[in-house]
PDB file of N, CA and C in Angstrom:
ATOM      1  N   UNK A   1      15.193  89.345 115.016  1.00  0.00           N
ATOM      2  CA  UNK A   1      14.271  88.282 115.344  1.00  0.00           C
ATOM      3  C   UNK A   1      14.862  86.928 114.969  1.00  0.00           C
ATOM      4  N   UNK A   2      15.623  86.890 113.897  1.00  0.00           N
ATOM      5  CA  UNK A   2      16.232  85.627 113.477  1.00  0.00           C
ATOM      6  C   UNK A   2      17.226  85.146 114.524  1.00  0.00           C
ATOM      7  N   UNK A   3      17.894  86.063 115.191  1.00  0.00           N
ATOM      8  CA  UNK A   3      18.850  85.674 116.222  1.00  0.00           C
ATOM      9  C   UNK A   3      18.190  84.968 117.385  1.00  0.00           C
ATOM     10  N   UNK A   4      17.042  85.465 117.804  1.00  0.00           N
ATOM     11  CA  UNK A   4      16.321  84.831 118.913  1.00  0.00           C
ATOM     12  C   UNK A   4      15.817  83.456 118.478  1.00  0.00           C
ATOM     13  N   UNK A   5      15.299  83.379 117.264  1.00  0.00           N
ATOM     14  CA  UNK A   5      14.811  82.106 116.754  1.00  0.00           C
ATOM     15  C   UNK A   5      15.948  81.084 116.660  1.00  0.00           C
ATOM     16  N   UNK A   6      17.104  81.516 116.181  1.00  0.00           N
ATOM     17  CA  UNK A   6      18.261  80.634 116.107  1.00  0.00           C
ATOM     18  C   UNK A   6      18.700  80.155 117.481  1.00  0.00           C
ATOM     19  N   UNK A   7      18.614  81.046 118.470  1.00  0.00           N
ATOM     20  CA  UNK A   7      18.954  80.668 119.834  1.00  0.00           C
ATOM     21  C   UNK A   7      18.016  79.603 120.385  1.00  0.00           C
ATOM     22  N   UNK A   8      16.727  79.727 120.078  1.00  0.00           N
ATOM     23  CA  UNK A   8      15.777  78.723 120.545  1.00  0.00           C
ATOM     24  C   UNK A   8      15.983  77.384 119.843  1.00  0.00           C
ATOM     25  N   UNK A   9      16.332  77.416 118.576  1.00  0.00           N
ATOM     26  CA  UNK A   9      16.638  76.168 117.856  1.00  0.00           C
ATOM     27  C   UNK A   9      17.852  75.497 118.496  1.00  0.00           C
ATOM     28  N   UNK A  10      18.877  76.271 118.796  1.00  0.00           N
ATOM     29  CA  UNK A  10      20.064  75.736 119.454  1.00  0.00           C
ATOM     30  C   UNK A  10      19.721  75.187 120.844  1.00  0.00           C
ATOM     31  N   UNK A  11      18.825  75.847 121.539  1.00  0.00           N
ATOM     32  CA  UNK A  11      18.391  75.371 122.845  1.00  0.00           C
ATOM     33  C   UNK A  11      17.668  74.027 122.732  1.00  0.00           C
ATOM     34  N   UNK A  12      16.806  73.892 121.735  1.00  0.00           N
ATOM     35  CA  UNK A  12      16.134  72.605 121.518  1.00  0.00           C
ATOM     36  C   UNK A  12      17.141  71.510 121.176  1.00  0.00           C
ATOM     37  N   UNK A  13      18.141  71.849 120.382  1.00  0.00           N
ATOM     38  CA  UNK A  13      19.188  70.887 120.042  1.00  0.00           C
ATOM     39  C   UNK A  13      19.941  70.458 121.297  1.00  0.00           C
ATOM     40  N   UNK A  14      20.198  71.392 122.185  1.00  0.00           N
ATOM     41  CA  UNK A  14      20.922  71.033 123.407  1.00  0.00           C
ATOM     42  C   UNK A  14      20.100  70.086 124.280  1.00  0.00           C
ATOM     43  N   UNK A  15      18.786  70.265 124.320  1.00  0.00           N
ATOM     44  CA  UNK A  15      17.938  69.350 125.082  1.00  0.00           C
ATOM     45  C   UNK A  15      17.984  67.940 124.488  1.00  0.00           C
ATOM     46  N   UNK A  16      18.003  67.879 123.173  1.00  0.00           N
ATOM     47  CA  UNK A  16      18.089  66.577 122.515  1.00  0.00           C
ATOM     48  C   UNK A  16      19.434  65.910 122.818  1.00  0.00           C
ATOM     49  N   UNK A  17      20.505  66.692 122.805  1.00  0.00           N
ATOM     50  CA  UNK A  17      21.822  66.140 123.113  1.00  0.00           C
ATOM     51  C   UNK A  17      21.877  65.688 124.577  1.00  0.00           C
ATOM     52  N   UNK A  18      21.265  66.461 125.466  1.00  0.00           N
ATOM     53  CA  UNK A  18      21.189  66.032 126.868  1.00  0.00           C
ATOM     54  C   UNK A  18      20.433  64.709 127.000  1.00  0.00           C
ATOM     55  N   UNK A  19      19.348  64.577 126.252  1.00  0.00           N
ATOM     56  CA  UNK A  19      18.577  63.336 126.266  1.00  0.00           C
ATOM     57  C   UNK A  19      19.427  62.170 125.766  1.00  0.00           C
ATOM     58  N   UNK A  20      20.136  62.400 124.659  1.00  0.00           N
ATOM     59  CA  UNK A  20      20.994  61.328 124.126  1.00  0.00           C
ATOM     60  C   UNK A  20      22.080  60.945 125.125  1.00  0.00           C
ATOM     61  N   UNK A  21      22.667  61.932 125.777  1.00  0.00           N
ATOM     62  CA  UNK A  21      23.712  61.654 126.757  1.00  0.00           C
ATOM     63  C   UNK A  21      23.201  60.842 127.922  1.00  0.00           C
ATOM     64  N   UNK A  22      21.985  61.137 128.360  1.00  0.00           N
ATOM     65  CA  UNK A  22      21.432  60.366 129.483  1.00  0.00           C
ATOM     66  C   UNK A  22      21.042  58.961 129.042  1.00  0.00           C
ATOM     67  N   UNK A  23      20.576  58.809 127.822  1.00  0.00           N
ATOM     68  CA  UNK A  23      20.206  57.480 127.323  1.00  0.00           C
ATOM     69  C   UNK A  23      21.443  56.592 127.128  1.00  0.00           C
ATOM     70  N   UNK A  24      22.518  57.207 126.648  1.00  0.00           N
ATOM     71  CA  UNK A  24      23.738  56.435 126.400  1.00  0.00           C
ATOM     72  C   UNK A  24      24.550  56.253 127.678  1.00  0.00           C
ATOM     73  N   UNK A  25      24.267  57.046 128.686  1.00  0.00           N
ATOM     74  CA  UNK A  25      25.045  56.978 129.914  1.00  0.00           C
ATOM     75  C   UNK A  25      26.420  57.590 129.749  1.00  0.00           C
ATOM     76  N   UNK A  26      26.537  58.511 128.819  1.00  0.00           N
ATOM     77  CA  UNK A  26      27.809  59.138 128.510  1.00  0.00           C
ATOM     78  C   UNK A  26      27.824  60.544 129.110  1.00  0.00           C
ATOM     79  N   UNK A  27      28.688  60.771 130.068  1.00  0.00           N
ATOM     80  CA  UNK A  27      28.787  62.059 130.737  1.00  0.00           C
ATOM     81  C   UNK A  27      29.310  63.154 129.830  1.00  0.00           C
ATOM     82  N   UNK A  28      30.180  62.810 128.891  1.00  0.00           N
ATOM     83  CA  UNK A  28      30.739  63.806 127.981  1.00  0.00           C
ATOM     84  C   UNK A  28      29.648  64.382 127.079  1.00  0.00           C
ATOM     85  N   UNK A  29      28.767  63.543 126.572  1.00  0.00           N
ATOM     86  CA  UNK A  29      27.688  64.014 125.702  1.00  0.00           C
ATOM     87  C   UNK A  29      26.722  64.890 126.508  1.00  0.00           C
ATOM     88  N   UNK A  30      26.456  64.503 127.750  1.00  0.00           N
ATOM     89  CA  UNK A  30      25.596  65.329 128.607  1.00  0.00           C
ATOM     90  C   UNK A  30      26.241  66.685 128.883  1.00  0.00           C
ATOM     91  N   UNK A  31      27.540  66.696 129.129  1.00  0.00           N
ATOM     92  CA  UNK A  31      28.257  67.949 129.340  1.00  0.00           C
ATOM     93  C   UNK A  31      28.201  68.824 128.091  1.00  0.00           C
ATOM     94  N   UNK A  32      28.334  68.198 126.937  1.00  0.00           N
ATOM     95  CA  UNK A  32      28.233  68.932 125.678  1.00  0.00           C
ATOM     96  C   UNK A  32      26.852  69.567 125.547  1.00  0.00           C
ATOM     97  N   UNK A  33      25.804  68.840 125.926  1.00  0.00           N
ATOM     98  CA  UNK A  33      24.450  69.394 125.881  1.00  0.00           C
ATOM     99  C   UNK A  33      24.293  70.580 126.814  1.00  0.00           C
ATOM    100  N   UNK A  34      24.884  70.495 128.000  1.00  0.00           N
ATOM    101  CA  UNK A  34      24.815  71.607 128.957  1.00  0.00           C
ATOM    102  C   UNK A  34      25.551  72.827 128.411  1.00  0.00           C
ATOM    103  N   UNK A  35      26.715  72.614 127.816  1.00  0.00           N
ATOM    104  CA  UNK A  35      27.475  73.728 127.249  1.00  0.00           C
ATOM    105  C   UNK A  35      26.719  74.390 126.098  1.00  0.00           C
ATOM    106  N   UNK A  36      26.092  73.585 125.263  1.00  0.00           N
ATOM    107  CA  UNK A  36      25.320  74.145 124.149  1.00  0.00           C
ATOM    108  C   UNK A  36      24.110  74.913 124.681  1.00  0.00           C
ATOM    109  N   UNK A  37      23.484  74.422 125.745  1.00  0.00           N
ATOM    110  CA  UNK A  37      22.348  75.138 126.350  1.00  0.00           C
ATOM    111  C   UNK A  37      22.799  76.497 126.886  1.00  0.00           C
ATOM    112  N   UNK A  38      23.961  76.540 127.508  1.00  0.00           N
ATOM    113  CA  UNK A  38      24.490  77.816 127.997  1.00  0.00           C
ATOM    114  C   UNK A  38      24.777  78.781 126.859  1.00  0.00           C
ATOM    115  N   UNK A  39      25.358  78.256 125.787  1.00  0.00           N
ATOM    116  CA  UNK A  39      25.642  79.101 124.622  1.00  0.00           C
ATOM    117  C   UNK A  39      24.338  79.629 124.013  1.00  0.00           C
ATOM    118  N   UNK A  40      23.309  78.783 123.975  1.00  0.00           N
ATOM    119  CA  UNK A  40      22.014  79.213 123.431  1.00  0.00           C
ATOM    120  C   UNK A  40      21.409  80.307 124.296  1.00  0.00           C
ATOM    121  N   UNK A  41      21.516  80.170 125.607  1.00  0.00           N
ATOM    122  CA  UNK A  41      20.969  81.189 126.507  1.00  0.00           C
ATOM    123  C   UNK A  41      21.686  82.528 126.313  1.00  0.00           C
ATOM    124  N   UNK A  42      23.000  82.489 126.164  1.00  0.00           N
ATOM    125  CA  UNK A  42      23.764  83.712 125.917  1.00  0.00           C
ATOM    126  C   UNK A  42      23.370  84.315 124.579  1.00  0.00           C
ATOM    127  N   UNK A  43      23.197  83.478 123.563  1.00  0.00           N
ATOM    128  CA  UNK A  43      22.805  83.934 122.231  1.00  0.00           C
ATOM    129  C   UNK A  43      21.449  84.646 122.291  1.00  0.00           C
ATOM    130  N   UNK A  44      20.497  84.060 122.987  1.00  0.00           N
ATOM    131  CA  UNK A  44      19.172  84.665 123.100  1.00  0.00           C
ATOM    132  C   UNK A  44      19.254  86.001 123.839  1.00  0.00           C
ATOM    133  N   UNK A  45      20.017  86.055 124.913  1.00  0.00           N
ATOM    134  CA  UNK A  45      20.147  87.294 125.690  1.00  0.00           C
ATOM    135  C   UNK A  45      20.780  88.407 124.859  1.00  0.00           C
ATOM    136  N   UNK A  46      21.821  88.078 124.116  1.00  0.00           N
ATOM    137  CA  UNK A  46      22.478  89.082 123.281  1.00  0.00           C
ATOM    138  C   UNK A  46      21.542  89.563 122.178  1.00  0.00           C
ATOM    139  N   UNK A  47      20.793  88.647 121.592  1.00  0.00           N
ATOM    140  CA  UNK A  47      19.842  89.031 120.539  1.00  0.00           C
ATOM    141  C   UNK A  47      18.769  89.965 121.081  1.00  0.00           C
ATOM    142  N   UNK A  48      18.292  89.683 122.292  1.00  0.00           N
ATOM    143  CA  UNK A  48      17.282  90.560 122.900  1.00  0.00           C
ATOM    144  C   UNK A  48      17.867  91.936 123.177  1.00  0.00           C
ATOM    145  N   UNK A  49      19.111  91.992 123.643  1.00  0.00           N
ATOM    146  CA  UNK A  49      19.737  93.287 123.916  1.00  0.00           C
ATOM    147  C   UNK A  49      19.917  94.084 122.631  1.00  0.00           C
ATOM    148  N   UNK A  50      20.351  93.412 121.561  1.00  0.00           N
ATOM    149  CA  UNK A  50      20.519  94.103 120.280  1.00  0.00           C
ATOM    150  C   UNK A  50      19.190  94.648 119.775  1.00  0.00           C
ATOM    151  N   UNK A  51      18.147  93.866 119.930  1.00  0.00           N
ATOM    152  CA  UNK A  51      16.829  94.303 119.503  1.00  0.00           C
ATOM    153  C   UNK A  51      16.386  95.527 120.311  1.00  0.00           C
ATOM    154  N   UNK A  52      16.637  95.507 121.607  1.00  0.00           N
ATOM    155  CA  UNK A  52      16.293  96.648 122.450  1.00  0.00           C
ATOM    156  C   UNK A  52      17.079  97.896 122.075  1.00  0.00           C
ATOM    157  N   UNK A  53      18.356  97.712 121.716  1.00  0.00           N
ATOM    158  CA  UNK A  53      19.171  98.861 121.310  1.00  0.00           C
ATOM    159  C   UNK A  53      18.669  99.468 120.004  1.00  0.00           C
ATOM    160  N   UNK A  54      18.182  98.633 119.089  1.00  0.00           N
ATOM    161  CA  UNK A  54      17.622  99.159 117.836  1.00  0.00           C
ATOM    162  C   UNK A  54      16.395 100.016 118.124  1.00  0.00           C
ATOM    163  N   UNK A  55      15.541  99.550 119.027  1.00  0.00           N
ATOM    164  CA  UNK A  55      14.357 100.333 119.380  1.00  0.00           C
ATOM    165  C   UNK A  55      14.745 101.626 120.080  1.00  0.00           C
ATOM    166  N   UNK A  56      15.772 101.573 120.922  1.00  0.00           N
ATOM    167  CA  UNK A  56      16.240 102.774 121.605  1.00  0.00           C
ATOM    168  C   UNK A  56      16.775 103.799 120.605  1.00  0.00           C
ATOM    169  N   UNK A  57      17.530 103.341 119.627  1.00  0.00           N
ATOM    170  CA  UNK A  57      18.071 104.263 118.616  1.00  0.00           C
ATOM    171  C   UNK A  57      16.960 104.901 117.793  1.00  0.00           C
ATOM    172  N   UNK A  58      15.936 104.127 117.443  1.00  0.00           N
ATOM    173  CA  UNK A  58      14.805 104.695 116.703  1.00  0.00           C
ATOM    174  C   UNK A  58      14.093 105.744 117.544  1.00  0.00           C
ATOM    175  N   UNK A  59      13.939 105.467 118.832  1.00  0.00           N
ATOM    176  CA  UNK A  59      13.279 106.407 119.738  1.00  0.00           C
ATOM    177  C   UNK A  59      14.092 107.695 119.851  1.00  0.00           C
ATOM    178  N   UNK A  60      15.397 107.556 120.029  1.00  0.00           N
ATOM    179  CA  UNK A  60      16.249 108.751 120.143  1.00  0.00           C
ATOM    180  C   UNK A  60      16.240 109.565 118.851  1.00  0.00           C
ATOM    181  N   UNK A  61      16.264 108.882 117.698  1.00  0.00           N
ATOM    182  CA  UNK A  61      16.225 109.583 116.415  1.00  0.00           C
ATOM    183  C   UNK A  61      14.903 110.334 116.253  1.00  0.00           C
ATOM    184  N   UNK A  62      13.801 109.712 116.674  1.00  0.00           N
ATOM    185  CA  UNK A  62      12.505 110.376 116.590  1.00  0.00           C
ATOM    186  C   UNK A  62      12.457 111.585 117.522  1.00  0.00           C
ATOM    187  N   UNK A  63      13.053 111.479 118.700  1.00  0.00           N
ATOM    188  CA  UNK A  63      13.090 112.616 119.623  1.00  0.00           C
ATOM    189  C   UNK A  63      13.955 113.753 119.075  1.00  0.00           C
ATOM    190  N   UNK A  64      15.071 113.402 118.423  1.00  0.00           N
ATOM    191  CA  UNK A  64      15.915 114.451 117.818  1.00  0.00           C
ATOM    192  C   UNK A  64      15.177 115.167 116.691  1.00  0.00           C
ATOM    193  N   UNK A  65      14.444 114.405 115.883  1.00  0.00           N
ATOM    194  CA  UNK A  65      13.675 115.017 114.800  1.00  0.00           C
ATOM    195  C   UNK A  65      12.597 115.931 115.367  1.00  0.00           C
ATOM    196  N   UNK A  66      11.955 115.502 116.440  1.00  0.00           N
ATOM    197  CA  UNK A  66      10.933 116.333 117.071  1.00  0.00           C
ATOM    198  C   UNK A  66      11.554 117.579 117.700  1.00  0.00           C
ATOM    199  N   UNK A  67      12.748 117.445 118.237  1.00  0.00           N
ATOM    200  CA  UNK A  67      13.426 118.595 118.832  1.00  0.00           C
ATOM    201  C   UNK A  67      13.740 119.652 117.775  1.00  0.00           C
ATOM    202  N   UNK A  68      14.064 119.192 116.562  1.00  0.00           N
ATOM    203  CA  UNK A  68      14.367 120.127 115.483  1.00  0.00           C
ATOM    204  C   UNK A  68      13.114 120.864 115.014  1.00  0.00           C
ATOM    205  N   UNK A  69      11.960 120.210 115.109  1.00  0.00           N
ATOM    206  CA  UNK A  69      10.712 120.818 114.676  1.00  0.00           C
ATOM    207  C   UNK A  69       9.609 120.471 115.675  1.00  0.00           C
ATOM    208  N   UNK A  70       9.567 121.149 116.825  1.00  0.00           N
ATOM    209  CA  UNK A  70       8.646 120.763 117.896  1.00  0.00           C
ATOM    210  C   UNK A  70       7.166 121.017 117.592  1.00  0.00           C
ATOM    211  N   UNK A  71       6.867 121.773 116.560  1.00  0.00           N
ATOM    212  CA  UNK A  71       5.464 122.078 116.237  1.00  0.00           C
ATOM    213  C   UNK A  71       4.825 121.003 115.354  1.00  0.00           C
ATOM    214  N   UNK A  72       5.616 120.130 114.776  1.00  0.00           N
ATOM    215  CA  UNK A  72       5.102 119.113 113.852  1.00  0.00           C
ATOM    216  C   UNK A  72       4.414 117.995 114.630  1.00  0.00           C
ATOM    217  N   UNK A  73       3.117 117.888 114.442  1.00  0.00           N
ATOM    218  CA  UNK A  73       2.326 116.888 115.174  1.00  0.00           C
ATOM    219  C   UNK A  73       2.620 115.471 114.673  1.00  0.00           C
ATOM    220  N   UNK A  74       2.964 115.339 113.405  1.00  0.00           N
ATOM    221  CA  UNK A  74       3.297 114.009 112.852  1.00  0.00           C
ATOM    222  C   UNK A  74       4.586 113.471 113.466  1.00  0.00           C
ATOM    223  N   UNK A  75       5.571 114.345 113.646  1.00  0.00           N
ATOM    224  CA  UNK A  75       6.814 113.931 114.297  1.00  0.00           C
ATOM    225  C   UNK A  75       6.578 113.572 115.757  1.00  0.00           C
ATOM    226  N   UNK A  76       5.668 114.267 116.400  1.00  0.00           N
ATOM    227  CA  UNK A  76       5.325 113.959 117.792  1.00  0.00           C
ATOM    228  C   UNK A  76       4.701 112.568 117.888  1.00  0.00           C
ATOM    229  N   UNK A  77       3.814 112.269 116.937  1.00  0.00           N
ATOM    230  CA  UNK A  77       3.174 110.952 116.923  1.00  0.00           C
ATOM    231  C   UNK A  77       4.197 109.847 116.642  1.00  0.00           C
ATOM    232  N   UNK A  78       5.118 110.100 115.724  1.00  0.00           N
ATOM    233  CA  UNK A  78       6.164 109.102 115.432  1.00  0.00           C
ATOM    234  C   UNK A  78       7.052 108.863 116.651  1.00  0.00           C
ATOM    235  N   UNK A  79       7.392 109.932 117.346  1.00  0.00           N
ATOM    236  CA  UNK A  79       8.227 109.793 118.544  1.00  0.00           C
ATOM    237  C   UNK A  79       7.474 109.026 119.627  1.00  0.00           C
ATOM    238  N   UNK A  80       6.190 109.304 119.760  1.00  0.00           N
ATOM    239  CA  UNK A  80       5.379 108.597 120.757  1.00  0.00           C
ATOM    240  C   UNK A  80       5.328 107.097 120.433  1.00  0.00           C
ATOM    241  N   UNK A  81       5.079 106.767 119.172  1.00  0.00           N
ATOM    242  CA  UNK A  81       5.007 105.353 118.773  1.00  0.00           C
ATOM    243  C   UNK A  81       6.359 104.660 118.926  1.00  0.00           C
ATOM    244  N   UNK A  82       7.444 105.379 118.607  1.00  0.00           N
ATOM    245  CA  UNK A  82       8.777 104.801 118.791  1.00  0.00           C
ATOM    246  C   UNK A  82       9.049 104.559 120.274  1.00  0.00           C
ATOM    247  N   UNK A  83       8.583 105.465 121.118  1.00  0.00           N
ATOM    248  CA  UNK A  83       8.727 105.279 122.561  1.00  0.00           C
ATOM    249  C   UNK A  83       7.948 104.074 123.054  1.00  0.00           C
ATOM    250  N   UNK A  84       6.740 103.895 122.530  1.00  0.00           N
ATOM    251  CA  UNK A  84       5.952 102.718 122.900  1.00  0.00           C
ATOM    252  C   UNK A  84       6.671 101.430 122.514  1.00  0.00           C
ATOM    253  N   UNK A  85       7.223 101.396 121.315  1.00  0.00           N
ATOM    254  CA  UNK A  85       7.937 100.197 120.866  1.00  0.00           C
ATOM    255  C   UNK A  85       9.172  99.937 121.721  1.00  0.00           C
ATOM    256  N   UNK A  86       9.865 101.000 122.086  1.00  0.00           N
ATOM    257  CA  UNK A  86      11.048 100.832 122.932  1.00  0.00           C
ATOM    258  C   UNK A  86      10.671 100.236 124.276  1.00  0.00           C
ATOM    259  N   UNK A  87       9.650 100.791 124.919  1.00  0.00           N
ATOM    260  CA  UNK A  87       9.272 100.283 126.240  1.00  0.00           C
ATOM    261  C   UNK A  87       8.631  98.900 126.154  1.00  0.00           C
ATOM    262  N   UNK A  88       7.940  98.605 125.060  1.00  0.00           N
ATOM    263  CA  UNK A  88       7.408  97.254 124.872  1.00  0.00           C
ATOM    264  C   UNK A  88       8.538  96.243 124.740  1.00  0.00           C
ATOM    265  N   UNK A  89       9.606  96.647 124.083  1.00  0.00           N
ATOM    266  CA  UNK A  89      10.726  95.719 123.862  1.00  0.00           C
ATOM    267  C   UNK A  89      11.434  95.374 125.172  1.00  0.00           C
ATOM    268  N   UNK A  90      11.233  96.183 126.201  1.00  0.00           N
ATOM    269  CA  UNK A  90      11.878  95.929 127.486  1.00  0.00           C
ATOM    270  C   UNK A  90      11.115  94.914 128.330  1.00  0.00           C
ATOM    271  N   UNK A  91       9.891  94.585 127.933  1.00  0.00           N
ATOM    272  CA  UNK A  91       9.042  93.697 128.720  1.00  0.00           C
ATOM    273  C   UNK A  91       8.790  92.387 127.986  1.00  0.00           C
ATOM    274  N   UNK A  92       8.754  91.299 128.734  1.00  0.00           N
ATOM    275  CA  UNK A  92       8.486  90.005 128.119  1.00  0.00           C
ATOM    276  C   UNK A  92       7.063  89.907 127.593  1.00  0.00           C
ATOM    277  N   UNK A  93       6.113  90.535 128.273  1.00  0.00           N
ATOM    278  CA  UNK A  93       4.719  90.445 127.844  1.00  0.00           C
ATOM    279  C   UNK A  93       4.339  91.522 126.834  1.00  0.00           C
ATOM    280  N   UNK A  94       5.293  92.371 126.449  1.00  0.00           N
ATOM    281  CA  UNK A  94       5.115  93.423 125.442  1.00  0.00           C
ATOM    282  C   UNK A  94       3.999  94.402 125.807  1.00  0.00           C
ATOM    283  N   UNK A  95       3.831  94.668 127.096  1.00  0.00           N
ATOM    284  CA  UNK A  95       2.827  95.625 127.543  1.00  0.00           C
ATOM    285  C   UNK A  95       3.523  96.877 128.056  1.00  0.00           C
ATOM    286  N   UNK A  96       2.847  98.003 127.868  1.00  0.00           N
ATOM    287  CA  UNK A  96       3.365  99.280 128.340  1.00  0.00           C
ATOM    288  C   UNK A  96       2.703  99.577 129.682  1.00  0.00           C
ATOM    289  N   UNK A  97       3.511  99.865 130.667  1.00  0.00           N
ATOM    290  CA  UNK A  97       3.018 100.172 132.006  1.00  0.00           C
ATOM    291  C   UNK A  97       2.828 101.678 132.161  1.00  0.00           C
ATOM    292  N   UNK A  98       2.026 102.103 133.143  1.00  0.00           N
ATOM    293  CA  UNK A  98       1.838 103.552 133.358  1.00  0.00           C
ATOM    294  C   UNK A  98       3.138 104.338 133.565  1.00  0.00           C
ATOM    295  N   UNK A  99       4.137 103.800 134.286  1.00  0.00           N
ATOM    296  CA  UNK A  99       5.395 104.568 134.383  1.00  0.00           C
ATOM    297  C   UNK A  99       6.086 104.749 133.026  1.00  0.00           C
ATOM    298  N   UNK A 100       5.899 103.774 132.131  1.00  0.00           N
ATOM    299  CA  UNK A 100       6.472 103.900 130.788  1.00  0.00           C
ATOM    300  C   UNK A 100       5.782 105.029 130.020  1.00  0.00           C
ATOM    301  N   UNK A 101       4.450 105.074 130.107  1.00  0.00           N
ATOM    302  CA  UNK A 101       3.688 106.151 129.473  1.00  0.00           C
ATOM    303  C   UNK A 101       4.142 107.508 130.009  1.00  0.00           C
ATOM    304  N   UNK A 102       4.327 107.577 131.319  1.00  0.00           N
ATOM    305  CA  UNK A 102       4.773 108.825 131.939  1.00  0.00           C
ATOM    306  C   UNK A 102       6.147 109.227 131.425  1.00  0.00           C
ATOM    307  N   UNK A 103       7.046 108.260 131.296  1.00  0.00           N
ATOM    308  CA  UNK A 103       8.402 108.554 130.805  1.00  0.00           C
ATOM    309  C   UNK A 103       8.368 109.057 129.362  1.00  0.00           C
ATOM    310  N   UNK A 104       7.525 108.449 128.541  1.00  0.00           N
ATOM    311  CA  UNK A 104       7.416 108.890 127.148  1.00  0.00           C
ATOM    312  C   UNK A 104       6.879 110.315 127.093  1.00  0.00           C
ATOM    313  N   UNK A 105       5.799 110.569 127.828  1.00  0.00           N
ATOM    314  CA  UNK A 105       5.222 111.916 127.833  1.00  0.00           C
ATOM    315  C   UNK A 105       6.221 112.946 128.375  1.00  0.00           C
ATOM    316  N   UNK A 106       6.999 112.554 129.369  1.00  0.00           N
ATOM    317  CA  UNK A 106       8.018 113.438 129.937  1.00  0.00           C
ATOM    318  C   UNK A 106       9.103 113.748 128.897  1.00  0.00           C
ATOM    319  N   UNK A 107       9.532 112.728 128.158  1.00  0.00           N
ATOM    320  CA  UNK A 107      10.532 112.940 127.103  1.00  0.00           C
ATOM    321  C   UNK A 107       9.995 113.868 126.019  1.00  0.00           C
ATOM    322  N   UNK A 108       8.752 113.645 125.614  1.00  0.00           N
ATOM    323  CA  UNK A 108       8.158 114.492 124.575  1.00  0.00           C
ATOM    324  C   UNK A 108       8.044 115.941 125.057  1.00  0.00           C
ATOM    325  N   UNK A 109       7.638 116.118 126.290  1.00  0.00           N
ATOM    326  CA  UNK A 109       7.514 117.466 126.843  1.00  0.00           C
ATOM    327  C   UNK A 109       8.879 118.142 126.959  1.00  0.00           C
ATOM    328  N   UNK A 110       9.870 117.387 127.408  1.00  0.00           N
ATOM    329  CA  UNK A 110      11.226 117.936 127.549  1.00  0.00           C
ATOM    330  C   UNK A 110      11.765 118.392 126.202  1.00  0.00           C
ATOM    331  N   UNK A 111      11.555 117.592 125.172  1.00  0.00           N
ATOM    332  CA  UNK A 111      12.091 117.907 123.848  1.00  0.00           C
ATOM    333  C   UNK A 111      11.360 119.098 123.231  1.00  0.00           C
ATOM    334  N   UNK A 112      10.044 119.149 123.387  1.00  0.00           N
ATOM    335  CA  UNK A 112       9.288 120.233 122.749  1.00  0.00           C
ATOM    336  C   UNK A 112       9.432 121.561 123.479  1.00  0.00           C
ATOM    337  N   UNK A 113       9.760 121.529 124.749  1.00  0.00           N
ATOM    338  CA  UNK A 113       9.915 122.798 125.478  1.00  0.00           C
ATOM    339  C   UNK A 113      11.362 123.245 125.583  1.00  0.00           C
ATOM    340  N   UNK A 114      12.292 122.443 125.071  1.00  0.00           N
ATOM    341  CA  UNK A 114      13.706 122.816 125.151  1.00  0.00           C
ATOM    342  C   UNK A 114      13.973 124.108 124.378  1.00  0.00           C
ATOM    343  N   UNK A 115      13.379 124.242 123.190  1.00  0.00           N
ATOM    344  CA  UNK A 115      13.592 125.452 122.384  1.00  0.00           C
ATOM    345  C   UNK A 115      12.965 126.660 123.036  1.00  0.00           C
ATOM    346  N   UNK A 116      11.846 126.498 123.740  1.00  0.00           N
ATOM    347  CA  UNK A 116      11.205 127.617 124.431  1.00  0.00           C
ATOM    348  C   UNK A 116      12.121 128.178 125.511  1.00  0.00           C
ATOM    349  N   UNK A 117      12.806 127.292 126.227  1.00  0.00           N
ATOM    350  CA  UNK A 117      13.721 127.739 127.276  1.00  0.00           C
ATOM    351  C   UNK A 117      14.906 128.494 126.674  1.00  0.00           C
ATOM    352  N   UNK A 118      15.384 128.031 125.505  1.00  0.00           N
ATOM    353  CA  UNK A 118      16.513 128.719 124.858  1.00  0.00           C
ATOM    354  C   UNK A 118      16.101 130.114 124.392  1.00  0.00           C
ATOM    355  N   UNK A 119      14.880 130.257 123.908  1.00  0.00           N
ATOM    356  CA  UNK A 119      14.408 131.555 123.412  1.00  0.00           C
ATOM    357  C   UNK A 119      14.255 132.560 124.558  1.00  0.00           C
ATOM    358  N   UNK A 120      13.840 132.083 125.736  1.00  0.00           N
ATOM    359  CA  UNK A 120      13.650 132.974 126.885  1.00  0.00           C
ATOM    360  C   UNK A 120      14.986 133.468 127.451  1.00  0.00           C
ATOM    361  N   UNK A 121      16.039 132.704 127.284  1.00  0.00           N
ATOM    362  CA  UNK A 121      17.349 133.087 127.854  1.00  0.00           C
ATOM    363  C   UNK A 121      18.010 134.192 127.087  1.00  0.00           C
TER     364      UNK A 121
END
């Protein structure tokens, strides 16, 4: 979260530098503001991707734990909540859509029935 906040601070700084460049009539200062704005945008994008990867890893770890013990209802709930957080992190409005719910339920079903298929073989 600090990375995204730092990116927005840098973005605000770039707007101020752009303003100064236009007030002074100096093209170099305006170019510097544009370059800093681009760097801030890249910083924010990378921070969002890192945050999404952390949520994905938590979700995968919860699914692996559930796969090891598919009868544990607490592990199922943790995996479900981790899945919700992962899919929320993919959206700007932090809302879970019906296809996301379906994907989570599908993952939970796949993991809990994997051992049943192995036992039947």
